[in-house]
């Protein structure tokens, strides 16, 4: 499972379900298109934490790609392609209703055998 967490969205960015759905679909399609990942849409979840203090379009959006298990086929190059795809793809639907000064995406290291992990 991969969890995409999008930080610094304004409340008005998320007040319409259609906007969230557009973002989720665009990002899911972009990630699934990277064949080395062997992911389907069911393997990707989203979280859009609400921060009512974010009111300006001038605040950069940060996207964290979490629970991205380290595997031999997920090389540095593939991980970079994922980050690049997420930042570029995120802009398209969001810029339909607002400006985006800066979007960044990062993938923290995660290895379920090395890091603390539990699933129930």
N, C-alpha and C. Protein backbone atom coordinates (compact mmCIF):
# COMPACT_ATOMS: atom_id res chain seq x y z
N UNK A 1 0.84 -1.18 0.00
CA UNK A 1 0.00 0.00 0.00
C UNK A 1 0.89 1.24 0.00
N UNK A 2 0.50 2.22 -0.77
CA UNK A 2 1.19 3.51 -0.83
C UNK A 2 0.21 4.56 -0.33
N UNK A 3 0.69 5.45 0.52
CA UNK A 3 -0.15 6.51 1.05
C UNK A 3 0.39 7.85 0.56
N UNK A 4 -0.45 8.60 -0.12
CA UNK A 4 -0.10 9.93 -0.61
C UNK A 4 -0.73 10.95 0.34
N UNK A 5 0.13 11.74 1.00
CA UNK A 5 -0.35 12.75 1.93
C UNK A 5 -0.03 14.13 1.33
N UNK A 6 -1.07 14.93 1.15
CA UNK A 6 -0.93 16.24 0.53
C UNK A 6 -1.11 17.31 1.61
N UNK A 7 -0.03 18.05 1.87
CA UNK A 7 -0.04 19.08 2.91
C UNK A 7 -0.18 20.47 2.29
N UNK A 8 -0.74 21.37 3.08
CA UNK A 8 -0.83 22.81 2.78
C UNK A 8 -1.87 23.16 1.72
N UNK A 9 -2.90 22.35 1.63
CA UNK A 9 -4.03 22.73 0.79
C UNK A 9 -4.93 23.64 1.62
N UNK A 10 -5.53 24.61 0.96
CA UNK A 10 -6.47 25.50 1.64
C UNK A 10 -7.81 24.79 1.84
N UNK A 11 -8.56 25.22 2.84
CA UNK A 11 -9.87 24.63 3.10
C UNK A 11 -10.73 24.73 1.84
N UNK A 12 -10.70 25.88 1.16
CA UNK A 12 -11.52 26.04 -0.04
C UNK A 12 -11.06 25.14 -1.20
N UNK A 13 -9.83 24.65 -1.15
CA UNK A 13 -9.36 23.70 -2.17
C UNK A 13 -10.05 22.36 -2.04
N UNK A 14 -10.45 22.04 -0.82
CA UNK A 14 -10.97 20.70 -0.54
C UNK A 14 -12.46 20.68 -0.23
N UNK A 15 -13.13 21.81 -0.42
CA UNK A 15 -14.54 21.86 -0.04
C UNK A 15 -15.47 21.19 -1.06
N UNK A 16 -14.95 20.92 -2.24
CA UNK A 16 -15.76 20.25 -3.26
C UNK A 16 -15.18 18.86 -3.51
N UNK A 17 -16.00 17.85 -3.36
CA UNK A 17 -15.57 16.45 -3.53
C UNK A 17 -14.99 16.22 -4.93
N UNK A 18 -15.51 16.92 -5.93
CA UNK A 18 -15.03 16.74 -7.30
C UNK A 18 -13.55 17.11 -7.42
N UNK A 19 -13.12 18.11 -6.69
CA UNK A 19 -11.72 18.53 -6.73
C UNK A 19 -10.81 17.44 -6.17
N UNK A 20 -11.20 16.89 -5.05
CA UNK A 20 -10.41 15.82 -4.43
C UNK A 20 -10.36 14.62 -5.37
N UNK A 21 -11.50 14.26 -5.95
CA UNK A 21 -11.55 13.12 -6.87
C UNK A 21 -10.65 13.34 -8.08
N UNK A 22 -10.61 14.56 -8.63
CA UNK A 22 -9.74 14.86 -9.77
C UNK A 22 -8.27 14.67 -9.41
N UNK A 23 -7.89 15.17 -8.24
CA UNK A 23 -6.51 15.04 -7.79
C UNK A 23 -6.16 13.57 -7.61
N UNK A 24 -7.02 12.83 -6.90
CA UNK A 24 -6.76 11.41 -6.65
C UNK A 24 -6.66 10.62 -7.95
N UNK A 25 -7.56 10.86 -8.88
CA UNK A 25 -7.54 10.11 -10.15
C UNK A 25 -6.27 10.42 -10.93
N UNK A 26 -5.92 11.70 -11.03
CA UNK A 26 -4.73 12.09 -11.79
C UNK A 26 -3.47 11.46 -11.19
N UNK A 27 -3.32 11.54 -9.87
CA UNK A 27 -2.13 10.97 -9.23
C UNK A 27 -2.11 9.45 -9.32
N UNK A 28 -3.26 8.82 -9.14
CA UNK A 28 -3.33 7.36 -9.25
C UNK A 28 -2.93 6.92 -10.65
N UNK A 29 -3.47 7.55 -11.67
CA UNK A 29 -3.13 7.20 -13.05
C UNK A 29 -1.64 7.37 -13.32
N UNK A 30 -1.06 8.45 -12.81
CA UNK A 30 0.37 8.71 -13.04
C UNK A 30 1.25 7.68 -12.36
N UNK A 31 0.89 7.29 -11.16
CA UNK A 31 1.70 6.31 -10.42
C UNK A 31 1.54 4.92 -11.02
N UNK A 32 0.32 4.53 -11.33
CA UNK A 32 0.07 3.20 -11.91
C UNK A 32 0.76 3.06 -13.27
N UNK A 33 0.93 4.16 -13.98
CA UNK A 33 1.58 4.13 -15.30
C UNK A 33 3.07 3.78 -15.22
N UNK A 34 3.66 3.89 -14.05
CA UNK A 34 5.06 3.52 -13.87
C UNK A 34 5.10 2.02 -13.62
N UNK A 35 5.34 1.26 -14.67
CA UNK A 35 5.17 -0.20 -14.65
C UNK A 35 6.05 -0.92 -13.64
N UNK A 36 7.24 -0.39 -13.39
CA UNK A 36 8.15 -1.05 -12.45
C UNK A 36 7.55 -1.17 -11.05
N UNK A 37 6.60 -0.31 -10.73
CA UNK A 37 6.00 -0.33 -9.39
C UNK A 37 5.04 -1.49 -9.20
N UNK A 38 4.45 -1.95 -10.29
CA UNK A 38 3.46 -3.04 -10.23
C UNK A 38 2.34 -2.71 -9.25
N UNK A 39 1.82 -1.49 -9.34
CA UNK A 39 0.74 -1.06 -8.46
C UNK A 39 -0.55 -0.91 -9.26
N UNK A 40 -1.66 -1.08 -8.57
CA UNK A 40 -2.97 -0.79 -9.15
C UNK A 40 -3.58 0.36 -8.33
N UNK A 41 -4.69 0.86 -8.80
CA UNK A 41 -5.37 1.92 -8.07
C UNK A 41 -5.75 1.52 -6.65
N UNK A 42 -6.00 0.24 -6.45
CA UNK A 42 -6.37 -0.24 -5.11
C UNK A 42 -5.19 -0.23 -4.14
N UNK A 43 -3.98 -0.06 -4.66
CA UNK A 43 -2.78 -0.04 -3.83
C UNK A 43 -2.42 1.37 -3.35
N UNK A 44 -3.24 2.36 -3.69
CA UNK A 44 -2.90 3.75 -3.39
C UNK A 44 -4.02 4.39 -2.57
N UNK A 45 -3.64 4.97 -1.44
CA UNK A 45 -4.58 5.71 -0.59
C UNK A 45 -4.14 7.17 -0.51
N UNK A 46 -5.07 8.02 -0.11
CA UNK A 46 -4.80 9.46 -0.03
C UNK A 46 -5.23 10.02 1.32
N UNK A 47 -4.53 11.08 1.71
CA UNK A 47 -4.89 11.82 2.91
C UNK A 47 -4.62 13.29 2.62
N UNK A 48 -5.60 14.13 2.90
CA UNK A 48 -5.49 15.57 2.72
C UNK A 48 -5.73 16.23 4.08
N UNK A 49 -4.69 16.32 4.93
CA UNK A 49 -4.90 16.91 6.25
C UNK A 49 -5.37 18.36 6.14
N UNK A 50 -6.37 18.69 6.92
CA UNK A 50 -6.92 20.05 6.90
C UNK A 50 -6.11 20.93 7.86
N UNK A 51 -5.68 22.06 7.37
CA UNK A 51 -4.99 23.05 8.19
C UNK A 51 -5.67 24.39 7.94
N UNK A 52 -6.55 24.81 8.84
CA UNK A 52 -7.29 26.06 8.60
C UNK A 52 -6.42 27.31 8.58
N UNK A 53 -5.17 27.20 8.97
CA UNK A 53 -4.28 28.37 8.94
C UNK A 53 -3.74 28.63 7.54
N UNK A 54 -3.85 27.66 6.65
CA UNK A 54 -3.37 27.85 5.28
C UNK A 54 -4.48 28.56 4.50
N UNK A 55 -4.24 29.83 4.19
CA UNK A 55 -5.24 30.63 3.49
C UNK A 55 -4.73 31.19 2.17
N UNK A 56 -3.44 31.19 1.98
CA UNK A 56 -2.84 31.82 0.82
C UNK A 56 -2.46 30.80 -0.24
N UNK A 57 -2.54 31.21 -1.49
CA UNK A 57 -2.06 30.38 -2.59
C UNK A 57 -0.54 30.40 -2.67
N UNK A 58 0.09 31.28 -1.90
CA UNK A 58 1.54 31.44 -1.95
C UNK A 58 2.29 30.39 -1.13
N UNK A 59 1.57 29.60 -0.35
CA UNK A 59 2.21 28.57 0.47
C UNK A 59 2.43 27.33 -0.39
N UNK A 60 3.66 26.82 -0.43
CA UNK A 60 3.94 25.64 -1.26
C UNK A 60 3.16 24.41 -0.78
N UNK A 61 2.79 23.57 -1.73
CA UNK A 61 2.15 22.29 -1.41
C UNK A 61 3.25 21.24 -1.33
N UNK A 62 3.21 20.46 -0.26
CA UNK A 62 4.18 19.38 -0.06
C UNK A 62 3.43 18.06 -0.11
N UNK A 63 3.96 17.14 -0.88
CA UNK A 63 3.33 15.82 -1.03
C UNK A 63 4.32 14.77 -0.54
N UNK A 64 3.88 13.99 0.43
CA UNK A 64 4.70 12.92 0.98
C UNK A 64 4.16 11.59 0.49
N UNK A 65 5.02 10.80 -0.10
CA UNK A 65 4.65 9.48 -0.61
C UNK A 65 5.14 8.48 0.42
N UNK A 66 4.21 8.02 1.25
CA UNK A 66 4.56 7.20 2.41
C UNK A 66 4.28 5.72 2.15
N UNK A 67 4.84 4.91 3.00
CA UNK A 67 4.65 3.45 2.94
C UNK A 67 5.07 2.90 1.58
N UNK A 68 6.04 3.54 0.99
CA UNK A 68 6.56 3.15 -0.31
C UNK A 68 7.69 2.16 -0.06
N UNK A 69 7.33 0.91 0.02
CA UNK A 69 8.25 -0.16 0.41
C UNK A 69 9.49 -0.20 -0.49
N UNK A 70 10.64 -0.29 0.14
CA UNK A 70 11.89 -0.45 -0.61
C UNK A 70 11.93 -1.85 -1.22
N UNK A 71 12.15 -1.91 -2.52
CA UNK A 71 12.25 -3.17 -3.25
C UNK A 71 13.35 -2.99 -4.29
N UNK A 72 13.97 -4.09 -4.71
CA UNK A 72 15.06 -3.97 -5.69
C UNK A 72 14.67 -3.23 -6.96
N UNK A 73 13.46 -3.43 -7.44
CA UNK A 73 13.04 -2.77 -8.69
C UNK A 73 12.70 -1.29 -8.49
N UNK A 74 12.59 -0.86 -7.25
CA UNK A 74 12.31 0.56 -6.96
C UNK A 74 13.62 1.29 -6.73
N UNK A 75 14.36 1.39 -7.80
CA UNK A 75 15.68 2.02 -7.77
C UNK A 75 15.55 3.52 -7.51
N UNK A 76 16.69 4.16 -7.32
CA UNK A 76 16.70 5.61 -7.14
C UNK A 76 16.05 6.29 -8.35
N UNK A 77 16.35 5.79 -9.53
CA UNK A 77 15.76 6.37 -10.74
C UNK A 77 14.24 6.23 -10.78
N UNK A 78 13.73 5.07 -10.40
CA UNK A 78 12.28 4.86 -10.39
C UNK A 78 11.64 5.74 -9.33
N UNK A 79 12.27 5.82 -8.16
CA UNK A 79 11.74 6.68 -7.08
C UNK A 79 11.71 8.14 -7.54
N UNK A 80 12.72 8.58 -8.27
CA UNK A 80 12.75 9.95 -8.78
C UNK A 80 11.64 10.17 -9.81
N UNK A 81 11.40 9.16 -10.66
CA UNK A 81 10.31 9.26 -11.64
C UNK A 81 8.96 9.40 -10.94
N UNK A 82 8.78 8.68 -9.84
CA UNK A 82 7.54 8.78 -9.07
C UNK A 82 7.38 10.20 -8.53
N UNK A 83 8.43 10.73 -7.90
CA UNK A 83 8.37 12.10 -7.36
C UNK A 83 8.08 13.11 -8.46
N UNK A 84 8.78 12.98 -9.58
CA UNK A 84 8.57 13.90 -10.70
C UNK A 84 7.14 13.81 -11.23
N UNK A 85 6.65 12.58 -11.41
CA UNK A 85 5.29 12.39 -11.92
C UNK A 85 4.25 12.99 -10.98
N UNK A 86 4.45 12.81 -9.68
CA UNK A 86 3.49 13.33 -8.70
C UNK A 86 3.47 14.86 -8.72
N UNK A 87 4.63 15.50 -8.73
CA UNK A 87 4.63 16.98 -8.72
C UNK A 87 4.03 17.55 -10.00
N UNK A 88 4.39 16.99 -11.13
CA UNK A 88 3.87 17.50 -12.41
C UNK A 88 2.38 17.22 -12.56
N UNK A 89 1.97 16.02 -12.20
CA UNK A 89 0.57 15.63 -12.37
C UNK A 89 -0.33 16.38 -11.41
N UNK A 90 0.12 16.62 -10.20
CA UNK A 90 -0.69 17.33 -9.21
C UNK A 90 -1.10 18.72 -9.71
N UNK A 91 -0.20 19.38 -10.41
CA UNK A 91 -0.46 20.75 -10.87
C UNK A 91 -1.66 20.83 -11.81
N UNK A 92 -1.81 19.85 -12.69
CA UNK A 92 -2.83 19.94 -13.74
C UNK A 92 -4.25 20.15 -13.21
N UNK A 93 -4.76 19.28 -12.35
CA UNK A 93 -6.13 19.51 -11.90
C UNK A 93 -6.26 20.72 -10.96
N UNK A 94 -5.27 20.94 -10.12
CA UNK A 94 -5.37 22.02 -9.13
C UNK A 94 -5.32 23.39 -9.79
N UNK A 95 -4.51 23.54 -10.82
CA UNK A 95 -4.41 24.84 -11.48
C UNK A 95 -5.67 25.21 -12.26
N UNK A 96 -6.66 24.31 -12.29
CA UNK A 96 -7.96 24.67 -12.88
C UNK A 96 -8.70 25.67 -12.00
N UNK A 97 -8.41 25.71 -10.70
CA UNK A 97 -9.13 26.61 -9.81
C UNK A 97 -8.23 27.53 -8.98
N UNK A 98 -6.91 27.33 -9.00
CA UNK A 98 -6.03 28.20 -8.21
C UNK A 98 -4.61 28.16 -8.74
N UNK A 99 -3.82 29.12 -8.31
CA UNK A 99 -2.42 29.13 -8.67
C UNK A 99 -1.61 28.28 -7.69
N UNK A 100 -0.49 27.78 -8.15
CA UNK A 100 0.42 26.98 -7.31
C UNK A 100 1.83 27.52 -7.48
N UNK A 101 2.38 28.15 -6.46
CA UNK A 101 3.72 28.69 -6.61
C UNK A 101 4.79 27.61 -6.65
N UNK A 102 4.57 26.54 -5.91
CA UNK A 102 5.62 25.54 -5.73
C UNK A 102 4.98 24.26 -5.24
N UNK A 103 5.33 23.15 -5.86
CA UNK A 103 4.87 21.83 -5.41
C UNK A 103 6.11 20.96 -5.27
N UNK A 104 6.21 20.28 -4.14
CA UNK A 104 7.33 19.35 -3.95
C UNK A 104 6.79 18.00 -3.49
N UNK A 105 7.49 16.94 -3.87
CA UNK A 105 7.11 15.59 -3.47
C UNK A 105 8.35 14.86 -3.01
N UNK A 106 8.20 14.07 -1.96
CA UNK A 106 9.34 13.30 -1.49
C UNK A 106 8.88 11.94 -1.00
N UNK A 107 9.82 11.00 -1.04
CA UNK A 107 9.56 9.62 -0.61
C UNK A 107 10.54 9.29 0.51
N UNK A 108 10.05 9.23 1.75
CA UNK A 108 10.96 8.85 2.84
C UNK A 108 11.28 7.35 2.74
N UNK A 109 12.45 6.94 3.22
CA UNK A 109 12.78 5.52 3.20
C UNK A 109 11.78 4.71 4.02
N UNK A 110 11.44 3.53 3.53
CA UNK A 110 10.56 2.64 4.28
C UNK A 110 10.88 1.20 3.90
N UNK A 111 11.21 0.40 4.89
CA UNK A 111 11.48 -1.02 4.71
C UNK A 111 10.77 -1.74 5.85
N UNK A 112 9.73 -2.50 5.54
CA UNK A 112 8.92 -3.12 6.59
C UNK A 112 9.70 -4.13 7.43
N UNK A 113 10.81 -4.64 6.90
CA UNK A 113 11.62 -5.58 7.68
C UNK A 113 12.59 -4.84 8.60
N UNK A 114 12.99 -3.65 8.23
CA UNK A 114 13.94 -2.89 9.03
C UNK A 114 13.25 -1.90 9.97
N UNK A 115 12.22 -1.21 9.44
CA UNK A 115 11.51 -0.20 10.22
C UNK A 115 10.39 -0.85 11.03
N UNK A 116 9.93 -0.15 12.02
CA UNK A 116 8.80 -0.66 12.82
C UNK A 116 7.56 -0.65 11.93
N UNK A 117 6.88 -1.78 11.89
CA UNK A 117 5.71 -1.90 11.02
C UNK A 117 4.81 -2.97 11.60
N UNK A 118 3.51 -2.71 11.53
CA UNK A 118 2.53 -3.69 11.96
C UNK A 118 1.29 -3.54 11.09
N UNK A 119 0.62 -4.64 10.86
CA UNK A 119 -0.61 -4.63 10.09
C UNK A 119 -1.57 -5.62 10.72
N UNK A 120 -2.82 -5.22 10.88
CA UNK A 120 -3.80 -6.12 11.52
C UNK A 120 -5.07 -6.19 10.70
